[in-house]
């Protein structure tokens, strides 16, 4: 494949950028993700996982069975845009979570 071939469509990461990350010492999907943002777009690595695993396999000679997918991180709670936009004096992380969507069984007093 050509080095300009796009691997991650969401973040527009090409093979050359992934090869550079591997040369810098990245050997797992998550290492490459931290350096390049590959897999951090809207699809959350659903499109680029297989190609990334194949590239890692080819460049590091690591067996495909040893190359796991990227770790998925879910949001802690649904967060309302109004809580993130501010509008109130406190902008600490705790206040954002306190103004987020209520937990199951809690009443919403908005």
N, C-alpha and C. Protein backbone atom coordinates (compact mmCIF):
# COMPACT_ATOMS: atom_id res chain seq x y z
N UNK A 1 0.84 -1.19 0.00
CA UNK A 1 0.00 0.00 0.00
C UNK A 1 0.88 1.25 0.00
N UNK A 2 0.36 2.27 -0.58
CA UNK A 2 1.04 3.55 -0.62
C UNK A 2 1.04 4.18 0.78
N UNK A 3 2.09 4.88 1.16
CA UNK A 3 2.21 5.47 2.49
C UNK A 3 1.18 6.56 2.76
N UNK A 4 0.58 7.08 1.69
CA UNK A 4 -0.43 8.13 1.88
C UNK A 4 -1.84 7.55 2.02
N UNK A 5 -1.96 6.22 1.99
CA UNK A 5 -3.27 5.57 2.14
C UNK A 5 -3.84 5.88 3.52
N UNK A 6 -5.07 6.37 3.54
CA UNK A 6 -5.73 6.71 4.80
C UNK A 6 -6.16 5.43 5.51
N UNK A 7 -5.79 5.32 6.78
CA UNK A 7 -6.16 4.18 7.62
C UNK A 7 -7.38 4.56 8.45
N UNK A 8 -7.31 5.70 9.11
CA UNK A 8 -8.41 6.19 9.95
C UNK A 8 -9.08 7.35 9.21
N UNK A 9 -10.25 7.09 8.69
CA UNK A 9 -10.97 8.12 7.92
C UNK A 9 -11.43 9.27 8.80
N UNK A 10 -11.82 8.96 10.02
CA UNK A 10 -12.35 9.99 10.91
C UNK A 10 -11.28 11.04 11.26
N UNK A 11 -10.07 10.59 11.54
CA UNK A 11 -9.00 11.49 11.95
C UNK A 11 -8.00 11.75 10.83
N UNK A 12 -8.24 11.17 9.64
CA UNK A 12 -7.39 11.34 8.46
C UNK A 12 -5.93 10.97 8.75
N UNK A 13 -5.73 9.78 9.33
CA UNK A 13 -4.40 9.30 9.65
C UNK A 13 -3.98 8.32 8.55
N UNK A 14 -2.79 8.53 7.99
CA UNK A 14 -2.33 7.65 6.91
C UNK A 14 -1.29 6.65 7.41
N UNK A 15 -0.91 5.73 6.53
CA UNK A 15 0.03 4.67 6.89
C UNK A 15 1.37 5.24 7.33
N UNK A 16 1.82 6.29 6.68
CA UNK A 16 3.11 6.90 7.04
C UNK A 16 3.13 7.39 8.49
N UNK A 17 2.03 7.98 8.94
CA UNK A 17 1.95 8.46 10.33
C UNK A 17 1.99 7.29 11.32
N UNK A 18 1.35 6.20 10.94
CA UNK A 18 1.35 5.02 11.82
C UNK A 18 2.75 4.40 11.86
N UNK A 19 3.40 4.32 10.70
CA UNK A 19 4.76 3.79 10.66
C UNK A 19 5.70 4.65 11.51
N UNK A 20 5.53 5.95 11.45
CA UNK A 20 6.35 6.86 12.26
C UNK A 20 6.14 6.61 13.75
N UNK A 21 4.89 6.40 14.14
CA UNK A 21 4.59 6.13 15.55
C UNK A 21 5.24 4.82 16.01
N UNK A 22 5.22 3.81 15.15
CA UNK A 22 5.84 2.53 15.49
C UNK A 22 7.35 2.69 15.61
N UNK A 23 7.95 3.49 14.74
CA UNK A 23 9.40 3.75 14.82
C UNK A 23 9.76 4.50 16.10
N UNK A 24 8.79 5.27 16.63
CA UNK A 24 9.01 6.00 17.89
C UNK A 24 8.85 5.10 19.11
N UNK A 25 8.42 3.84 18.90
CA UNK A 25 8.30 2.90 20.00
C UNK A 25 6.90 2.42 20.31
N UNK A 26 5.92 2.86 19.56
CA UNK A 26 4.54 2.42 19.77
C UNK A 26 4.37 1.03 19.17
N UNK A 27 3.88 0.07 19.96
CA UNK A 27 3.74 -1.29 19.44
C UNK A 27 2.35 -1.87 19.66
N UNK A 28 1.46 -1.13 20.26
CA UNK A 28 0.09 -1.58 20.44
C UNK A 28 -0.85 -0.57 19.82
N UNK A 29 -2.09 -0.99 19.60
CA UNK A 29 -3.09 -0.08 19.05
C UNK A 29 -3.21 1.16 19.94
N UNK A 30 -3.26 0.95 21.25
CA UNK A 30 -3.42 2.08 22.16
C UNK A 30 -2.22 3.02 22.15
N UNK A 31 -1.01 2.49 21.99
CA UNK A 31 0.17 3.35 21.88
C UNK A 31 0.06 4.25 20.66
N UNK A 32 -0.31 3.64 19.54
CA UNK A 32 -0.44 4.40 18.29
C UNK A 32 -1.58 5.40 18.40
N UNK A 33 -2.65 5.01 19.06
CA UNK A 33 -3.81 5.88 19.26
C UNK A 33 -3.40 7.14 20.04
N UNK A 34 -2.59 6.96 21.08
CA UNK A 34 -2.15 8.11 21.89
C UNK A 34 -1.30 9.08 21.08
N UNK A 35 -0.49 8.57 20.19
CA UNK A 35 0.42 9.42 19.41
C UNK A 35 -0.28 10.07 18.22
N UNK A 36 -1.13 9.31 17.53
CA UNK A 36 -1.69 9.79 16.26
C UNK A 36 -3.16 10.19 16.29
N UNK A 37 -3.91 9.78 17.29
CA UNK A 37 -5.36 9.94 17.38
C UNK A 37 -6.10 8.95 16.50
N UNK A 38 -5.42 7.99 15.90
CA UNK A 38 -6.06 6.97 15.08
C UNK A 38 -7.02 6.17 15.96
N UNK A 39 -8.27 6.10 15.56
CA UNK A 39 -9.27 5.38 16.33
C UNK A 39 -10.02 6.24 17.33
N UNK A 40 -9.77 7.54 17.33
CA UNK A 40 -10.43 8.42 18.30
C UNK A 40 -11.55 9.26 17.69
N UNK A 41 -11.88 8.99 16.45
CA UNK A 41 -12.92 9.76 15.77
C UNK A 41 -14.31 9.27 16.12
N UNK A 42 -15.30 9.76 15.41
CA UNK A 42 -16.70 9.42 15.69
C UNK A 42 -17.00 7.92 15.64
N UNK A 43 -16.29 7.15 14.81
CA UNK A 43 -16.60 5.71 14.71
C UNK A 43 -15.93 4.91 15.82
N UNK A 44 -15.05 5.54 16.59
CA UNK A 44 -14.36 4.89 17.71
C UNK A 44 -13.66 3.60 17.29
N UNK A 45 -12.90 3.66 16.18
CA UNK A 45 -12.05 2.58 15.67
C UNK A 45 -12.81 1.42 15.05
N UNK A 46 -14.09 1.60 14.77
CA UNK A 46 -14.85 0.51 14.15
C UNK A 46 -14.39 0.27 12.71
N UNK A 47 -13.91 1.30 12.04
CA UNK A 47 -13.49 1.17 10.64
C UNK A 47 -12.01 0.81 10.52
N UNK A 48 -11.14 1.35 11.36
CA UNK A 48 -9.70 1.21 11.17
C UNK A 48 -9.05 0.08 11.96
N UNK A 49 -9.76 -0.59 12.84
CA UNK A 49 -9.15 -1.60 13.70
C UNK A 49 -8.42 -2.69 12.92
N UNK A 50 -9.10 -3.32 11.96
CA UNK A 50 -8.48 -4.43 11.23
C UNK A 50 -7.24 -4.00 10.47
N UNK A 51 -7.30 -2.86 9.81
CA UNK A 51 -6.15 -2.38 9.05
C UNK A 51 -5.00 -2.02 9.99
N UNK A 52 -5.32 -1.40 11.11
CA UNK A 52 -4.28 -1.07 12.10
C UNK A 52 -3.60 -2.33 12.60
N UNK A 53 -4.37 -3.36 12.92
CA UNK A 53 -3.79 -4.61 13.41
C UNK A 53 -2.88 -5.23 12.35
N UNK A 54 -3.29 -5.16 11.11
CA UNK A 54 -2.47 -5.71 10.02
C UNK A 54 -1.16 -4.93 9.86
N UNK A 55 -1.22 -3.62 9.97
CA UNK A 55 -0.01 -2.80 9.85
C UNK A 55 0.94 -3.09 11.00
N UNK A 56 0.40 -3.18 12.21
CA UNK A 56 1.24 -3.50 13.38
C UNK A 56 1.89 -4.87 13.18
N UNK A 57 1.13 -5.83 12.69
CA UNK A 57 1.64 -7.17 12.42
C UNK A 57 2.80 -7.13 11.43
N UNK A 58 2.63 -6.40 10.33
CA UNK A 58 3.65 -6.34 9.29
C UNK A 58 4.92 -5.64 9.76
N UNK A 59 4.78 -4.59 10.55
CA UNK A 59 5.96 -3.80 10.93
C UNK A 59 6.67 -4.30 12.19
N UNK A 60 5.95 -5.05 13.03
CA UNK A 60 6.58 -5.52 14.27
C UNK A 60 6.74 -7.04 14.32
N UNK A 61 6.19 -7.74 13.32
CA UNK A 61 6.21 -9.22 13.28
C UNK A 61 5.51 -9.84 14.48
N UNK A 62 4.64 -9.08 15.10
CA UNK A 62 3.82 -9.58 16.22
C UNK A 62 2.65 -10.34 15.62
N UNK A 63 2.33 -11.56 16.13
CA UNK A 63 1.20 -12.31 15.58
C UNK A 63 -0.12 -11.55 15.74
N UNK A 64 -0.98 -11.68 14.73
CA UNK A 64 -2.28 -11.00 14.79
C UNK A 64 -3.07 -11.37 16.03
N UNK A 65 -2.92 -12.61 16.49
CA UNK A 65 -3.66 -13.04 17.68
C UNK A 65 -3.21 -12.30 18.94
N UNK A 66 -2.00 -11.73 18.91
CA UNK A 66 -1.48 -10.98 20.07
C UNK A 66 -1.79 -9.49 20.00
N UNK A 67 -2.36 -9.05 18.89
CA UNK A 67 -2.65 -7.62 18.72
C UNK A 67 -4.13 -7.40 19.00
N UNK A 68 -4.42 -6.88 20.16
CA UNK A 68 -5.81 -6.66 20.55
C UNK A 68 -6.35 -5.36 20.00
N UNK A 69 -7.65 -5.20 20.06
CA UNK A 69 -8.25 -3.93 19.64
C UNK A 69 -7.97 -2.83 20.64
N UNK A 70 -8.31 -1.63 20.28
CA UNK A 70 -8.15 -0.49 21.17
C UNK A 70 -9.09 -0.61 22.36
N UNK A 71 -8.67 -0.09 23.50
CA UNK A 71 -9.55 -0.07 24.68
C UNK A 71 -10.65 0.96 24.46
N UNK A 72 -11.85 0.58 24.78
CA UNK A 72 -12.99 1.48 24.65
C UNK A 72 -13.25 2.14 26.00
N UNK A 73 -13.50 3.42 25.98
CA UNK A 73 -13.80 4.15 27.21
C UNK A 73 -15.17 4.80 27.06
N UNK A 74 -16.05 4.43 27.92
CA UNK A 74 -17.41 4.96 27.89
C UNK A 74 -17.52 6.21 28.76
N UNK A 75 -18.45 7.09 28.45
CA UNK A 75 -18.68 8.23 29.33
C UNK A 75 -19.18 7.75 30.69
N UNK A 76 -18.82 8.49 31.74
CA UNK A 76 -19.27 8.13 33.08
C UNK A 76 -20.78 8.31 33.22
N UNK A 77 -21.29 9.42 32.71
CA UNK A 77 -22.71 9.74 32.74
C UNK A 77 -23.04 10.57 31.51
N UNK A 78 -24.28 10.56 31.14
CA UNK A 78 -24.71 11.45 30.07
C UNK A 78 -24.55 12.88 30.58
N UNK A 79 -23.89 13.71 29.81
CA UNK A 79 -23.64 15.09 30.23
C UNK A 79 -24.38 16.04 29.30
N UNK A 80 -25.16 16.91 29.87
CA UNK A 80 -25.93 17.87 29.08
C UNK A 80 -25.01 18.99 28.58
N UNK A 81 -25.28 19.47 27.39
CA UNK A 81 -24.48 20.53 26.78
C UNK A 81 -24.47 21.77 27.67
N UNK A 82 -25.60 22.10 28.28
CA UNK A 82 -25.67 23.27 29.15
C UNK A 82 -24.68 23.19 30.30
N UNK A 83 -24.46 22.00 30.82
CA UNK A 83 -23.50 21.83 31.92
C UNK A 83 -22.08 22.07 31.43
N UNK A 84 -21.80 21.68 30.19
CA UNK A 84 -20.45 21.88 29.64
C UNK A 84 -20.23 23.33 29.19
N UNK A 85 -21.30 23.99 28.75
CA UNK A 85 -21.18 25.35 28.23
C UNK A 85 -20.95 26.38 29.32
N UNK A 86 -21.23 26.01 30.54
CA UNK A 86 -21.00 26.95 31.64
C UNK A 86 -22.29 27.65 32.02
N UNK A 87 -22.22 28.97 32.08
CA UNK A 87 -23.39 29.73 32.47
C UNK A 87 -23.49 29.89 33.98
N UNK A 88 -22.76 29.12 34.73
CA UNK A 88 -22.73 29.23 36.18
C UNK A 88 -21.28 29.49 36.58
N UNK A 89 -21.11 29.99 37.80
CA UNK A 89 -19.77 30.36 38.24
C UNK A 89 -18.80 29.19 38.30
N UNK A 90 -19.21 28.08 38.84
CA UNK A 90 -18.31 26.95 39.02
C UNK A 90 -18.13 26.19 37.71
N UNK A 91 -16.89 25.93 37.35
CA UNK A 91 -16.63 25.16 36.14
C UNK A 91 -15.79 23.94 36.47
N UNK A 92 -15.82 23.51 37.72
CA UNK A 92 -15.05 22.34 38.10
C UNK A 92 -15.68 21.08 37.51
N UNK A 93 -14.90 20.03 37.41
CA UNK A 93 -15.40 18.78 36.88
C UNK A 93 -16.56 18.27 37.72
N UNK A 94 -16.46 18.40 39.02
CA UNK A 94 -17.53 17.92 39.91
C UNK A 94 -18.83 18.64 39.61
N UNK A 95 -18.79 19.95 39.40
CA UNK A 95 -20.03 20.68 39.13
C UNK A 95 -20.64 20.27 37.80
N UNK A 96 -19.80 19.95 36.81
CA UNK A 96 -20.32 19.50 35.52
C UNK A 96 -21.05 18.18 35.70
N UNK A 97 -20.48 17.25 36.48
CA UNK A 97 -21.15 15.97 36.70
C UNK A 97 -22.40 16.13 37.54
N UNK A 98 -22.39 17.06 38.48
CA UNK A 98 -23.58 17.27 39.30
C UNK A 98 -24.74 17.81 38.47
N UNK A 99 -24.44 18.56 37.41
CA UNK A 99 -25.48 19.12 36.55
C UNK A 99 -25.81 18.21 35.37
N UNK A 100 -25.20 17.06 35.31
CA UNK A 100 -25.44 16.11 34.22
C UNK A 100 -26.80 15.47 34.38
N UNK A 101 -27.10 14.60 33.47
CA UNK A 101 -28.37 13.87 33.53
C UNK A 101 -28.45 13.09 34.83
N UNK A 102 -29.63 13.02 35.42
CA UNK A 102 -29.75 12.31 36.69
C UNK A 102 -29.49 10.81 36.53
N UNK A 103 -29.01 10.22 37.62
CA UNK A 103 -28.81 8.76 37.62
C UNK A 103 -30.17 8.09 37.62
N UNK A 104 -30.19 6.82 37.28
CA UNK A 104 -31.43 6.08 37.24
C UNK A 104 -32.10 6.13 38.62
N UNK A 105 -33.35 6.48 38.65
CA UNK A 105 -34.09 6.55 39.90
C UNK A 105 -34.10 7.94 40.54
N UNK A 106 -33.25 8.86 40.04
CA UNK A 106 -33.21 10.23 40.58
C UNK A 106 -34.21 11.08 39.82
N UNK A 107 -34.72 12.09 40.47
CA UNK A 107 -35.65 13.01 39.82
C UNK A 107 -34.85 14.15 39.21
N UNK A 108 -35.32 14.66 38.09
CA UNK A 108 -34.68 15.79 37.42
C UNK A 108 -35.49 17.03 37.76
N UNK A 109 -34.90 17.98 38.51
CA UNK A 109 -35.61 19.17 38.95
C UNK A 109 -35.26 20.40 38.14
N UNK A 110 -35.11 20.24 36.82
CA UNK A 110 -34.78 21.40 35.96
C UNK A 110 -35.97 22.26 35.70
